[in-house]
Amino acid sequence: MTNNFKVVAYGGGKAVWAAGEKVQKFIGAIARAGLPQPGKSACFFCPSSKKKEILTLRDQYPELMTRALAMEAQANLTSVKGLGRSFSWREFLDKQDEPDLFSDAGKEMDCGCYDGDDE
């Protein structure tokens, strides 16, 4: 049997779980009420976080990102590269902050040279 339950709401410090069609009903009710949809239910240092989620954590919860990066820095890493298992969160974030000097590389660009053709 597959566990297809999902947290659909929070109230009074408790999560409301639903499955199947009920998930969509809860999501619709939350939207109609003008309430924010519940976010991902995971630890802030989850090694299964997607890169987009890491960036969201950095942007929306910088204090938690600081804690996660401190954990990664202090870890005795022998079989993984960092919190992302196959990559370090610190290295990933450092690359995000680098300017993209070659974003137009590979694009066709008119050099503006005169080729002798008057048309």
PDB file of N, CA and C in Angstrom:
ATOM      1  N   MET A   1       0.844  -1.179   0.000  1.00  0.00           N
ATOM      2  CA  MET A   1       0.000   0.000   0.000  1.00  0.00           C
ATOM      3  C   MET A   1       0.888   1.241   0.000  1.00  0.00           C
ATOM      4  N   THR A   2       0.574   2.175  -0.830  1.00  0.00           N
ATOM      5  CA  THR A   2       1.359   3.394  -0.952  1.00  0.00           C
ATOM      6  C   THR A   2       0.875   4.444   0.028  1.00  0.00           C
ATOM      7  N   ASN A   3       1.808   5.146   0.643  1.00  0.00           N
ATOM      8  CA  ASN A   3       1.443   6.230   1.545  1.00  0.00           C
ATOM      9  C   ASN A   3       1.306   7.494   0.720  1.00  0.00           C
ATOM     10  N   ASN A   4       0.082   7.883   0.401  1.00  0.00           N
ATOM     11  CA  ASN A   4      -0.137   9.065  -0.431  1.00  0.00           C
ATOM     12  C   ASN A   4      -0.802  10.183   0.369  1.00  0.00           C
ATOM     13  N   PHE A   5      -0.582  10.191   1.674  1.00  0.00           N
ATOM     14  CA  PHE A   5      -1.136  11.242   2.511  1.00  0.00           C
ATOM     15  C   PHE A   5      -0.292  12.495   2.367  1.00  0.00           C
ATOM     16  N   LYS A   6      -0.933  13.645   2.552  1.00  0.00           N
ATOM     17  CA  LYS A   6      -0.264  14.926   2.408  1.00  0.00           C
ATOM     18  C   LYS A   6      -0.796  15.885   3.468  1.00  0.00           C
ATOM     19  N   VAL A   7       0.107  16.696   4.024  1.00  0.00           N
ATOM     20  CA  VAL A   7      -0.332  17.729   4.963  1.00  0.00           C
ATOM     21  C   VAL A   7      -1.033  18.797   4.141  1.00  0.00           C
ATOM     22  N   VAL A   8      -2.269  19.115   4.486  1.00  0.00           N
ATOM     23  CA  VAL A   8      -3.023  20.100   3.711  1.00  0.00           C
ATOM     24  C   VAL A   8      -3.342  21.362   4.504  1.00  0.00           C
ATOM     25  N   ALA A   9      -3.184  21.325   5.801  1.00  0.00           N
ATOM     26  CA  ALA A   9      -3.476  22.515   6.602  1.00  0.00           C
ATOM     27  C   ALA A   9      -2.868  22.353   7.981  1.00  0.00           C
ATOM     28  N   TYR A  10      -2.722  23.474   8.649  1.00  0.00           N
ATOM     29  CA  TYR A  10      -2.238  23.482  10.021  1.00  0.00           C
ATOM     30  C   TYR A  10      -3.225  24.252  10.871  1.00  0.00           C
ATOM     31  N   GLY A  11      -3.431  23.810  12.071  1.00  0.00           N
ATOM     32  CA  GLY A  11      -4.325  24.534  12.965  1.00  0.00           C
ATOM     33  C   GLY A  11      -4.078  24.123  14.399  1.00  0.00           C
ATOM     34  N   GLY A  12      -3.958  25.082  15.269  1.00  0.00           N
ATOM     35  CA  GLY A  12      -3.732  24.783  16.672  1.00  0.00           C
ATOM     36  C   GLY A  12      -2.468  23.992  16.916  1.00  0.00           C
ATOM     37  N   GLY A  13      -1.460  24.208  16.071  1.00  0.00           N
ATOM     38  CA  GLY A  13      -0.194  23.500  16.233  1.00  0.00           C
ATOM     39  C   GLY A  13      -0.206  22.084  15.709  1.00  0.00           C
ATOM     40  N   LYS A  14      -1.291  21.676  15.056  1.00  0.00           N
ATOM     41  CA  LYS A  14      -1.392  20.313  14.539  1.00  0.00           C
ATOM     42  C   LYS A  14      -1.584  20.335  13.025  1.00  0.00           C
ATOM     43  N   ALA A  15      -1.076  19.312  12.379  1.00  0.00           N
ATOM     44  CA  ALA A  15      -1.221  19.189  10.934  1.00  0.00           C
ATOM     45  C   ALA A  15      -2.499  18.430  10.603  1.00  0.00           C
ATOM     46  N   VAL A  16      -3.132  18.807   9.508  1.00  0.00           N
ATOM     47  CA  VAL A  16      -4.304  18.097   9.002  1.00  0.00           C
ATOM     48  C   VAL A  16      -3.845  17.304   7.785  1.00  0.00           C
ATOM     49  N   TRP A  17      -4.033  16.008   7.837  1.00  0.00           N
ATOM     50  CA  TRP A  17      -3.607  15.124   6.756  1.00  0.00           C
ATOM     51  C   TRP A  17      -4.799  14.712   5.916  1.00  0.00           C
ATOM     52  N   ALA A  18      -4.572  14.532   4.633  1.00  0.00           N
ATOM     53  CA  ALA A  18      -5.627  14.045   3.742  1.00  0.00           C
ATOM     54  C   ALA A  18      -4.990  13.206   2.650  1.00  0.00           C
ATOM     55  N   ALA A  19      -5.826  12.460   1.949  1.00  0.00           N
ATOM     56  CA  ALA A  19      -5.338  11.621   0.859  1.00  0.00           C
ATOM     57  C   ALA A  19      -6.301  11.681  -0.308  1.00  0.00           C
ATOM     58  N   GLY A  20      -5.772  11.382  -1.492  1.00  0.00           N
ATOM     59  CA  GLY A  20      -6.602  11.284  -2.683  1.00  0.00           C
ATOM     60  C   GLY A  20      -7.345  12.562  -3.018  1.00  0.00           C
ATOM     61  N   GLU A  21      -8.648  12.425  -3.328  1.00  0.00           N
ATOM     62  CA  GLU A  21      -9.485  13.561  -3.727  1.00  0.00           C
ATOM     63  C   GLU A  21      -9.628  14.595  -2.615  1.00  0.00           C
ATOM     64  N   LYS A  22      -9.538  14.161  -1.377  1.00  0.00           N
ATOM     65  CA  LYS A  22      -9.680  15.092  -0.254  1.00  0.00           C
ATOM     66  C   LYS A  22      -8.587  16.156  -0.263  1.00  0.00           C
ATOM     67  N   VAL A  23      -7.412  15.812  -0.776  1.00  0.00           N
ATOM     68  CA  VAL A  23      -6.310  16.786  -0.844  1.00  0.00           C
ATOM     69  C   VAL A  23      -6.745  17.988  -1.668  1.00  0.00           C
ATOM     70  N   GLN A  24      -7.307  17.740  -2.842  1.00  0.00           N
ATOM     71  CA  GLN A  24      -7.734  18.839  -3.715  1.00  0.00           C
ATOM     72  C   GLN A  24      -8.854  19.650  -3.076  1.00  0.00           C
ATOM     73  N   LYS A  25      -9.754  18.994  -2.359  1.00  0.00           N
ATOM     74  CA  LYS A  25     -10.836  19.718  -1.668  1.00  0.00           C
ATOM     75  C   LYS A  25     -10.257  20.651  -0.608  1.00  0.00           C
ATOM     76  N   PHE A  26      -9.300  20.160   0.177  1.00  0.00           N
ATOM     77  CA  PHE A  26      -8.678  20.998   1.195  1.00  0.00           C
ATOM     78  C   PHE A  26      -7.915  22.164   0.571  1.00  0.00           C
ATOM     79  N   ILE A  27      -7.167  21.887  -0.475  1.00  0.00           N
ATOM     80  CA  ILE A  27      -6.391  22.939  -1.140  1.00  0.00           C
ATOM     81  C   ILE A  27      -7.325  24.010  -1.684  1.00  0.00           C
ATOM     82  N   GLY A  28      -8.451  23.604  -2.277  1.00  0.00           N
ATOM     83  CA  GLY A  28      -9.431  24.555  -2.782  1.00  0.00           C
ATOM     84  C   GLY A  28     -10.046  25.395  -1.671  1.00  0.00           C
ATOM     85  N   ALA A  29     -10.374  24.754  -0.551  1.00  0.00           N
ATOM     86  CA  ALA A  29     -10.963  25.482   0.582  1.00  0.00           C
ATOM     87  C   ALA A  29      -9.977  26.487   1.162  1.00  0.00           C
ATOM     88  N   ILE A  30      -8.717  26.109   1.240  1.00  0.00           N
ATOM     89  CA  ILE A  30      -7.681  27.012   1.757  1.00  0.00           C
ATOM     90  C   ILE A  30      -7.542  28.214   0.822  1.00  0.00           C
ATOM     91  N   ALA A  31      -7.533  27.963  -0.478  1.00  0.00           N
ATOM     92  CA  ALA A  31      -7.406  29.048  -1.462  1.00  0.00           C
ATOM     93  C   ALA A  31      -8.614  29.978  -1.405  1.00  0.00           C
ATOM     94  N   ARG A  32      -9.819  29.410  -1.331  1.00  0.00           N
ATOM     95  CA  ARG A  32     -11.029  30.241  -1.262  1.00  0.00           C
ATOM     96  C   ARG A  32     -11.054  31.111  -0.014  1.00  0.00           C
ATOM     97  N   ALA A  33     -10.454  30.637   1.050  1.00  0.00           N
ATOM     98  CA  ALA A  33     -10.405  31.403   2.295  1.00  0.00           C
ATOM     99  C   ALA A  33      -9.316  32.474   2.254  1.00  0.00           C
ATOM    100  N   GLY A  34      -8.517  32.467   1.175  1.00  0.00           N
ATOM    101  CA  GLY A  34      -7.454  33.457   1.048  1.00  0.00           C
ATOM    102  C   GLY A  34      -6.257  33.172   1.937  1.00  0.00           C
ATOM    103  N   LEU A  35      -6.125  31.941   2.382  1.00  0.00           N
ATOM    104  CA  LEU A  35      -5.013  31.561   3.248  1.00  0.00           C
ATOM    105  C   LEU A  35      -3.852  31.011   2.426  1.00  0.00           C
ATOM    106  N   PRO A  36      -2.637  31.126   2.940  1.00  0.00           N
ATOM    107  CA  PRO A  36      -1.493  30.579   2.200  1.00  0.00           C
ATOM    108  C   PRO A  36      -1.515  29.054   2.233  1.00  0.00           C
ATOM    109  N   GLN A  37      -1.084  28.452   1.157  1.00  0.00           N
ATOM    110  CA  GLN A  37      -0.996  27.001   1.099  1.00  0.00           C
ATOM    111  C   GLN A  37       0.145  26.546   2.004  1.00  0.00           C
ATOM    112  N   PRO A  38      -0.011  25.413   2.675  1.00  0.00           N
ATOM    113  CA  PRO A  38       1.061  24.924   3.537  1.00  0.00           C
ATOM    114  C   PRO A  38       2.291  24.594   2.697  1.00  0.00           C
ATOM    115  N   GLY A  39       3.441  24.875   3.260  1.00  0.00           N
ATOM    116  CA  GLY A  39       4.696  24.598   2.570  1.00  0.00           C
ATOM    117  C   GLY A  39       5.130  23.164   2.768  1.00  0.00           C
ATOM    118  N   LYS A  40       6.311  22.899   2.315  1.00  0.00           N
ATOM    119  CA  LYS A  40       6.885  21.572   2.437  1.00  0.00           C
ATOM    120  C   LYS A  40       7.052  21.225   3.913  1.00  0.00           C
ATOM    121  N   SER A  41       6.693  20.034   4.268  1.00  0.00           N
ATOM    122  CA  SER A  41       6.827  19.581   5.638  1.00  0.00           C
ATOM    123  C   SER A  41       8.138  18.800   5.753  1.00  0.00           C
ATOM    124  N   ALA A  42       9.202  19.494   6.128  1.00  0.00           N
ATOM    125  CA  ALA A  42      10.509  18.852   6.246  1.00  0.00           C
ATOM    126  C   ALA A  42      11.411  19.697   7.132  1.00  0.00           C
ATOM    127  N   CYS A  43      12.485  19.113   7.579  1.00  0.00           N
ATOM    128  CA  CYS A  43      13.488  19.853   8.352  1.00  0.00           C
ATOM    129  C   CYS A  43      14.159  20.876   7.444  1.00  0.00           C
ATOM    130  N   PHE A  44      14.580  21.984   8.020  1.00  0.00           N
ATOM    131  CA  PHE A  44      15.213  23.029   7.213  1.00  0.00           C
ATOM    132  C   PHE A  44      16.547  22.581   6.634  1.00  0.00           C
ATOM    133  N   PHE A  45      17.123  21.531   7.161  1.00  0.00           N
ATOM    134  CA  PHE A  45      18.408  21.036   6.663  1.00  0.00           C
ATOM    135  C   PHE A  45      18.255  19.712   5.919  1.00  0.00           C
ATOM    136  N   CYS A  46      17.060  19.457   5.385  1.00  0.00           N
ATOM    137  CA  CYS A  46      16.743  18.199   4.721  1.00  0.00           C
ATOM    138  C   CYS A  46      17.691  17.920   3.556  1.00  0.00           C
ATOM    139  N   PRO A  47      18.380  16.782   3.565  1.00  0.00           N
ATOM    140  CA  PRO A  47      19.277  16.453   2.459  1.00  0.00           C
ATOM    141  C   PRO A  47      18.542  16.122   1.163  1.00  0.00           C
ATOM    142  N   SER A  48      17.229  15.978   1.228  1.00  0.00           N
ATOM    143  CA  SER A  48      16.454  15.720   0.016  1.00  0.00           C
ATOM    144  C   SER A  48      15.903  17.000  -0.603  1.00  0.00           C
ATOM    145  N   SER A  49      16.275  18.150  -0.041  1.00  0.00           N
ATOM    146  CA  SER A  49      15.795  19.423  -0.580  1.00  0.00           C
ATOM    147  C   SER A  49      16.263  19.608  -2.013  1.00  0.00           C
ATOM    148  N   LYS A  50      15.359  20.118  -2.839  1.00  0.00           N
ATOM    149  CA  LYS A  50      15.711  20.455  -4.214  1.00  0.00           C
ATOM    150  C   LYS A  50      16.434  21.803  -4.198  1.00  0.00           C
ATOM    151  N   LYS A  51      17.209  22.060  -5.234  1.00  0.00           N
ATOM    152  CA  LYS A  51      17.992  23.300  -5.268  1.00  0.00           C
ATOM    153  C   LYS A  51      17.098  24.531  -5.185  1.00  0.00           C
ATOM    154  N   LYS A  52      15.924  24.483  -5.800  1.00  0.00           N
ATOM    155  CA  LYS A  52      14.991  25.606  -5.715  1.00  0.00           C
ATOM    156  C   LYS A  52      14.564  25.820  -4.262  1.00  0.00           C
ATOM    157  N   GLU A  53      14.369  24.736  -3.514  1.00  0.00           N
ATOM    158  CA  GLU A  53      13.976  24.842  -2.114  1.00  0.00           C
ATOM    159  C   GLU A  53      15.103  25.417  -1.257  1.00  0.00           C
ATOM    160  N   ILE A  54      16.335  25.105  -1.620  1.00  0.00           N
ATOM    161  CA  ILE A  54      17.500  25.657  -0.904  1.00  0.00           C
ATOM    162  C   ILE A  54      17.537  27.170  -1.111  1.00  0.00           C
ATOM    163  N   LEU A  55      17.281  27.610  -2.326  1.00  0.00           N
ATOM    164  CA  LEU A  55      17.263  29.056  -2.609  1.00  0.00           C
ATOM    165  C   LEU A  55      16.104  29.735  -1.877  1.00  0.00           C
ATOM    166  N   THR A  56      14.968  29.072  -1.803  1.00  0.00           N
ATOM    167  CA  THR A  56      13.826  29.630  -1.078  1.00  0.00           C
ATOM    168  C   THR A  56      14.155  29.752   0.405  1.00  0.00           C
ATOM    169  N   LEU A  57      14.807  28.740   0.952  1.00  0.00           N
ATOM    170  CA  LEU A  57      15.213  28.792   2.355  1.00  0.00           C
ATOM    171  C   LEU A  57      16.154  29.977   2.581  1.00  0.00           C
ATOM    172  N   ARG A  58      17.116  30.157   1.684  1.00  0.00           N
ATOM    173  CA  ARG A  58      18.061  31.270   1.803  1.00  0.00           C
ATOM    174  C   ARG A  58      17.337  32.612   1.774  1.00  0.00           C
ATOM    175  N   ASP A  59      16.377  32.744   0.866  1.00  0.00           N
ATOM    176  CA  ASP A  59      15.700  34.023   0.667  1.00  0.00           C
ATOM    177  C   ASP A  59      14.637  34.321   1.725  1.00  0.00           C
ATOM    178  N   GLN A  60      13.910  33.297   2.169  1.00  0.00           N
ATOM    179  CA  GLN A  60      12.795  33.528   3.079  1.00  0.00           C
ATOM    180  C   GLN A  60      13.129  33.279   4.552  1.00  0.00           C
ATOM    181  N   TYR A  61      14.128  32.451   4.821  1.00  0.00           N
ATOM    182  CA  TYR A  61      14.478  32.110   6.196  1.00  0.00           C
ATOM    183  C   TYR A  61      16.003  32.133   6.369  1.00  0.00           C
ATOM    184  N   PRO A  62      16.614  33.306   6.234  1.00  0.00           N
ATOM    185  CA  PRO A  62      18.079  33.384   6.282  1.00  0.00           C
ATOM    186  C   PRO A  62      18.678  32.861   7.588  1.00  0.00           C
ATOM    187  N   GLU A  63      17.957  33.001   8.710  1.00  0.00           N
ATOM    188  CA  GLU A  63      18.497  32.509   9.983  1.00  0.00           C
ATOM    189  C   GLU A  63      18.587  30.987   9.984  1.00  0.00           C
ATOM    190  N   LEU A  64      17.617  30.310   9.345  1.00  0.00           N
ATOM    191  CA  LEU A  64      17.674  28.851   9.243  1.00  0.00           C
ATOM    192  C   LEU A  64      18.757  28.417   8.263  1.00  0.00           C
ATOM    193  N   MET A  65      18.945  29.193   7.193  1.00  0.00           N
ATOM    194  CA  MET A  65      20.015  28.878   6.247  1.00  0.00           C
ATOM    195  C   MET A  65      21.372  28.989   6.925  1.00  0.00           C
ATOM    196  N   THR A  66      21.543  30.006   7.748  1.00  0.00           N
ATOM    197  CA  THR A  66      22.800  30.172   8.471  1.00  0.00           C
ATOM    198  C   THR A  66      23.057  28.961   9.357  1.00  0.00           C
ATOM    199  N   ARG A  67      22.030  28.484  10.035  1.00  0.00           N
ATOM    200  CA  ARG A  67      22.177  27.290  10.889  1.00  0.00           C
ATOM    201  C   ARG A  67      22.514  26.054  10.070  1.00  0.00           C
ATOM    202  N   ALA A  68      21.844  25.884   8.926  1.00  0.00           N
ATOM    203  CA  ALA A  68      22.105  24.717   8.080  1.00  0.00           C
ATOM    204  C   ALA A  68      23.536  24.742   7.555  1.00  0.00           C
ATOM    205  N   LEU A  69      24.004  25.904   7.123  1.00  0.00           N
ATOM    206  CA  LEU A  69      25.373  26.013   6.605  1.00  0.00           C
ATOM    207  C   LEU A  69      26.400  25.773   7.704  1.00  0.00           C
ATOM    208  N   ALA A  70      26.089  26.198   8.924  1.00  0.00           N
ATOM    209  CA  ALA A  70      26.986  25.935  10.057  1.00  0.00           C
ATOM    210  C   ALA A  70      27.063  24.435  10.335  1.00  0.00           C
ATOM    211  N   MET A  71      25.921  23.755  10.241  1.00  0.00           N
ATOM    212  CA  MET A  71      25.902  22.301  10.432  1.00  0.00           C
ATOM    213  C   MET A  71      26.757  21.618   9.375  1.00  0.00           C
ATOM    214  N   GLU A  72      26.610  22.056   8.128  1.00  0.00           N
ATOM    215  CA  GLU A  72      27.384  21.456   7.042  1.00  0.00           C
ATOM    216  C   GLU A  72      28.875  21.689   7.260  1.00  0.00           C
ATOM    217  N   ALA A  73      29.232  22.909   7.665  1.00  0.00           N
ATOM    218  CA  ALA A  73      30.645  23.255   7.858  1.00  0.00           C
ATOM    219  C   ALA A  73      31.278  22.461   8.996  1.00  0.00           C
ATOM    220  N   GLN A  74      30.492  22.146  10.016  1.00  0.00           N
ATOM    221  CA  GLN A  74      31.029  21.450  11.180  1.00  0.00           C
ATOM    222  C   GLN A  74      30.950  19.927  11.062  1.00  0.00           C
ATOM    223  N   ALA A  75      30.292  19.449  10.028  1.00  0.00           N
ATOM    224  CA  ALA A  75      30.109  17.999   9.861  1.00  0.00           C
ATOM    225  C   ALA A  75      31.422  17.331   9.465  1.00  0.00           C
ATOM    226  N   ASN A  76      31.593  16.109   9.923  1.00  0.00           N
ATOM    227  CA  ASN A  76      32.742  15.297   9.545  1.00  0.00           C
ATOM    228  C   ASN A  76      32.344  14.519   8.297  1.00  0.00           C
ATOM    229  N   LEU A  77      32.515  15.152   7.144  1.00  0.00           N
ATOM    230  CA  LEU A  77      32.039  14.577   5.886  1.00  0.00           C
ATOM    231  C   LEU A  77      33.039  13.558   5.339  1.00  0.00           C
ATOM    232  N   THR A  78      32.608  12.309   5.277  1.00  0.00           N
ATOM    233  CA  THR A  78      33.481  11.268   4.743  1.00  0.00           C
ATOM    234  C   THR A  78      32.856  10.568   3.534  1.00  0.00           C
ATOM    235  N   SER A  79      31.538  10.456   3.524  1.00  0.00           N
ATOM    236  CA  SER A  79      30.897   9.725   2.427  1.00  0.00           C
ATOM    237  C   SER A  79      29.989  10.609   1.572  1.00  0.00           C
ATOM    238  N   VAL A  80      29.791  11.868   1.980  1.00  0.00           N
ATOM    239  CA  VAL A  80      28.980  12.803   1.208  1.00  0.00           C
ATOM    240  C   VAL A  80      29.735  14.121   1.094  1.00  0.00           C
ATOM    241  N   LYS A  81      29.327  14.956   0.136  1.00  0.00           N
ATOM    242  CA  LYS A  81      29.995  16.247  -0.071  1.00  0.00           C
ATOM    243  C   LYS A  81      29.429  17.349   0.806  1.00  0.00           C
ATOM    244  N   GLY A  82      28.191  17.187   1.247  1.00  0.00           N
ATOM    245  CA  GLY A  82      27.552  18.208   2.065  1.00  0.00           C
ATOM    246  C   GLY A  82      26.103  17.865   2.304  1.00  0.00           C
ATOM    247  N   LEU A  83      25.323  18.863   2.680  1.00  0.00           N
ATOM    248  CA  LEU A  83      23.917  18.623   2.968  1.00  0.00           C
ATOM    249  C   LEU A  83      23.147  18.101   1.762  1.00  0.00           C
ATOM    250  N   GLY A  84      23.592  18.414   0.574  1.00  0.00           N
ATOM    251  CA  GLY A  84      22.920  17.913  -0.629  1.00  0.00           C
ATOM    252  C   GLY A  84      23.381  16.523  -1.017  1.00  0.00           C
ATOM    253  N   ARG A  85      24.105  15.874  -0.134  1.00  0.00           N
ATOM    254  CA  ARG A  85      24.699  14.546  -0.337  1.00  0.00           C
ATOM    255  C   ARG A  85      25.739  14.557  -1.447  1.00  0.00           C
ATOM    256  N   SER A  86      25.318  14.800  -2.691  1.00  0.00           N
ATOM    257  CA  SER A  86      26.275  14.804  -3.799  1.00  0.00           C
ATOM    258  C   SER A  86      26.843  16.198  -4.064  1.00  0.00           C
ATOM    259  N   PHE A  87      26.394  17.195  -3.292  1.00  0.00           N
ATOM    260  CA  PHE A  87      26.922  18.551  -3.431  1.00  0.00           C
ATOM    261  C   PHE A  87      26.826  19.291  -2.107  1.00  0.00           C
ATOM    262  N   SER A  88      27.667  20.281  -1.965  1.00  0.00           N
ATOM    263  CA  SER A  88      27.670  21.118  -0.776  1.00  0.00           C
ATOM    264  C   SER A  88      26.711  22.283  -0.980  1.00  0.00           C
ATOM    265  N   TRP A  89      25.863  22.541   0.017  1.00  0.00           N
ATOM    266  CA  TRP A  89      24.963  23.692  -0.066  1.00  0.00           C
ATOM    267  C   TRP A  89      25.770  24.974  -0.174  1.00  0.00           C
ATOM    268  N   ARG A  90      26.873  25.087   0.584  1.00  0.00           N
ATOM    269  CA  ARG A  90      27.689  26.300   0.568  1.00  0.00           C
ATOM    270  C   ARG A  90      28.231  26.552  -0.842  1.00  0.00           C
ATOM    271  N   GLU A  91      28.795  25.520  -1.464  1.00  0.00           N
ATOM    272  CA  GLU A  91      29.341  25.679  -2.817  1.00  0.00           C
ATOM    273  C   GLU A  91      28.240  26.021  -3.810  1.00  0.00           C
ATOM    274  N   PHE A  92      27.090  25.389  -3.675  1.00  0.00           N
ATOM    275  CA  PHE A  92      25.964  25.679  -4.558  1.00  0.00           C
ATOM    276  C   PHE A  92      25.547  27.140  -4.427  1.00  0.00           C
ATOM    277  N   LEU A  93      25.403  27.626  -3.194  1.00  0.00           N
ATOM    278  CA  LEU A  93      24.989  29.012  -2.974  1.00  0.00           C
ATOM    279  C   LEU A  93      26.047  29.999  -3.435  1.00  0.00           C
ATOM    280  N   ASP A  94      27.319  29.665  -3.245  1.00  0.00           N
ATOM    281  CA  ASP A  94      28.395  30.546  -3.718  1.00  0.00           C
ATOM    282  C   ASP A  94      28.338  30.707  -5.230  1.00  0.00           C
ATOM    283  N   LYS A  95      28.021  29.625  -5.936  1.00  0.00           N
ATOM    284  CA  LYS A  95      27.911  29.704  -7.397  1.00  0.00           C
ATOM    285  C   LYS A  95      26.720  30.559  -7.826  1.00  0.00           C
ATOM    286  N   GLN A  96      25.660  30.569  -7.011  1.00  0.00           N
ATOM    287  CA  GLN A  96      24.487  31.381  -7.341  1.00  0.00           C
ATOM    288  C   GLN A  96      24.811  32.868  -7.257  1.00  0.00           C
ATOM    289  N   ASP A  97      25.759  33.215  -6.405  1.00  0.00           N
ATOM    290  CA  ASP A  97      26.112  34.613  -6.195  1.00  0.00           C
ATOM    291  C   ASP A  97      27.128  35.133  -7.209  1.00  0.00           C
ATOM    292  N   GLU A  98      27.743  34.233  -7.990  1.00  0.00           N
ATOM    293  CA  GLU A  98      28.713  34.655  -8.998  1.00  0.00           C
ATOM    294  C   GLU A  98      27.991  35.282 -10.188  1.00  0.00           C
ATOM    295  N   PRO A  99      28.534  36.371 -10.730  1.00  0.00           N
ATOM    296  CA  PRO A  99      27.905  36.965 -11.920  1.00  0.00           C
ATOM    297  C   PRO A  99      28.050  36.028 -13.116  1.00  0.00           C
ATOM    298  N   ASP A 100      27.053  36.005 -13.960  1.00  0.00           N
ATOM    299  CA  ASP A 100      27.068  35.177 -15.161  1.00  0.00           C
ATOM    300  C   ASP A 100      27.651  36.002 -16.303  1.00  0.00           C
ATOM    301  N   LEU A 101      28.961  35.918 -16.458  1.00  0.00           N
ATOM    302  CA  LEU A 101      29.654  36.735 -17.452  1.00  0.00           C
ATOM    303  C   LEU A 101      29.427  36.250 -18.876  1.00  0.00           C
ATOM    304  N   PHE A 102      29.013  35.009 -19.023  1.00  0.00           N
ATOM    305  CA  PHE A 102      28.895  34.438 -20.358  1.00  0.00           C
ATOM    306  C   PHE A 102      27.471  33.970 -20.646  1.00  0.00           C
ATOM    307  N   SER A 103      26.487  34.694 -20.153  1.00  0.00           N
ATOM    308  CA  SER A 103      25.094  34.279 -20.339  1.00  0.00           C
ATOM    309  C   SER A 103      24.679  34.305 -21.803  1.00  0.00           C
ATOM    310  N   ASP A 104      25.370  35.086 -22.623  1.00  0.00           N
ATOM    311  CA  ASP A 104      25.018  35.141 -24.039  1.00  0.00           C
ATOM    312  C   ASP A 104      25.937  34.267 -24.890  1.00  0.00           C
ATOM    313  N   ALA A 105      26.802  33.472 -24.299  1.00  0.00           N
ATOM    314  CA  ALA A 105      27.703  32.602 -25.043  1.00  0.00           C
ATOM    315  C   ALA A 105      26.893  31.625 -25.891  1.00  0.00           C
ATOM    316  N   GLY A 106      27.303  31.454 -27.109  1.00  0.00           N
ATOM    317  CA  GLY A 106      26.632  30.528 -28.007  1.00  0.00           C
ATOM    318  C   GLY A 106      25.484  31.141 -28.781  1.00  0.00           C
ATOM    319  N   LYS A 107      25.095  32.361 -28.465  1.00  0.00           N
ATOM    320  CA  LYS A 107      24.014  33.014 -29.197  1.00  0.00           C
ATOM    321  C   LYS A 107      24.609  33.695 -30.427  1.00  0.00           C
ATOM    322  N   GLU A 108      23.850  33.675 -31.510  1.00  0.00           N
ATOM    323  CA  GLU A 108      24.268  34.370 -32.728  1.00  0.00           C
ATOM    324  C   GLU A 108      24.205  35.870 -32.484  1.00  0.00           C
ATOM    325  N   MET A 109      25.307  36.547 -32.781  1.00  0.00           N
ATOM    326  CA  MET A 109      25.351  37.989 -32.589  1.00  0.00           C
ATOM    327  C   MET A 109      25.870  38.638 -33.862  1.00  0.00           C
ATOM    328  N   ASP A 110      25.235  39.676 -34.279  1.00  0.00           N
ATOM    329  CA  ASP A 110      25.674  40.434 -35.438  1.00  0.00           C
ATOM    330  C   ASP A 110      26.908  41.225 -35.033  1.00  0.00           C
ATOM    331  N   CYS A 111      27.992  41.030 -35.781  1.00  0.00           N
ATOM    332  CA  CYS A 111      29.230  41.711 -35.402  1.00  0.00           C
ATOM    333  C   CYS A 111      29.239  43.172 -35.850  1.00  0.00           C
ATOM    334  N   GLY A 112      28.357  43.542 -36.756  1.00  0.00           N
ATOM    335  CA  GLY A 112      28.284  44.927 -37.206  1.00  0.00           C
ATOM    336  C   GLY A 112      29.299  45.266 -38.294  1.00  0.00           C
ATOM    337  N   CYS A 113      30.004  44.274 -38.782  1.00  0.00           N
ATOM    338  CA  CYS A 113      31.007  44.514 -39.821  1.00  0.00           C
ATOM    339  C   CYS A 113      30.331  44.805 -41.159  1.00  0.00           C
ATOM    340  N   TYR A 114      30.963  45.647 -41.971  1.00  0.00           N
ATOM    341  CA  TYR A 114      30.472  45.947 -43.311  1.00  0.00           C
ATOM    342  C   TYR A 114      31.000  44.875 -44.249  1.00  0.00           C
ATOM    343  N   ASP A 115      30.095  44.173 -44.928  1.00  0.00           N
ATOM    344  CA  ASP A 115      30.514  43.084 -45.805  1.00  0.00           C
ATOM    345  C   ASP A 115      30.527  43.497 -47.276  1.00  0.00           C
ATOM    346  N   GLY A 116      30.321  44.773 -47.554  1.00  0.00           N
ATOM    347  CA  GLY A 116      30.352  45.274 -48.922  1.00  0.00           C
ATOM    348  C   GLY A 116      29.024  45.219 -49.622  1.00  0.00           C
ATOM    349  N   ASP A 117      28.029  44.637 -49.014  1.00  0.00           N
ATOM    350  CA  ASP A 117      26.713  44.530 -49.605  1.00  0.00           C
ATOM    351  C   ASP A 117      25.878  45.739 -49.162  1.00  0.00           C
ATOM    352  N   ASP A 118      25.299  46.465 -50.126  1.00  0.00           N
ATOM    353  CA  ASP A 118      24.541  47.662 -49.796  1.00  0.00           C
ATOM    354  C   ASP A 118      23.099  47.365 -49.428  1.00  0.00           C
ATOM    355  N   GLU A 119      22.662  46.161 -49.511  1.00  0.00           N
ATOM    356  CA  GLU A 119      21.247  45.860 -49.229  1.00  0.00           C
ATOM    357  C   GLU A 119      20.994  45.657 -47.794  1.00  0.00           C
TER     358      GLU A 119
END
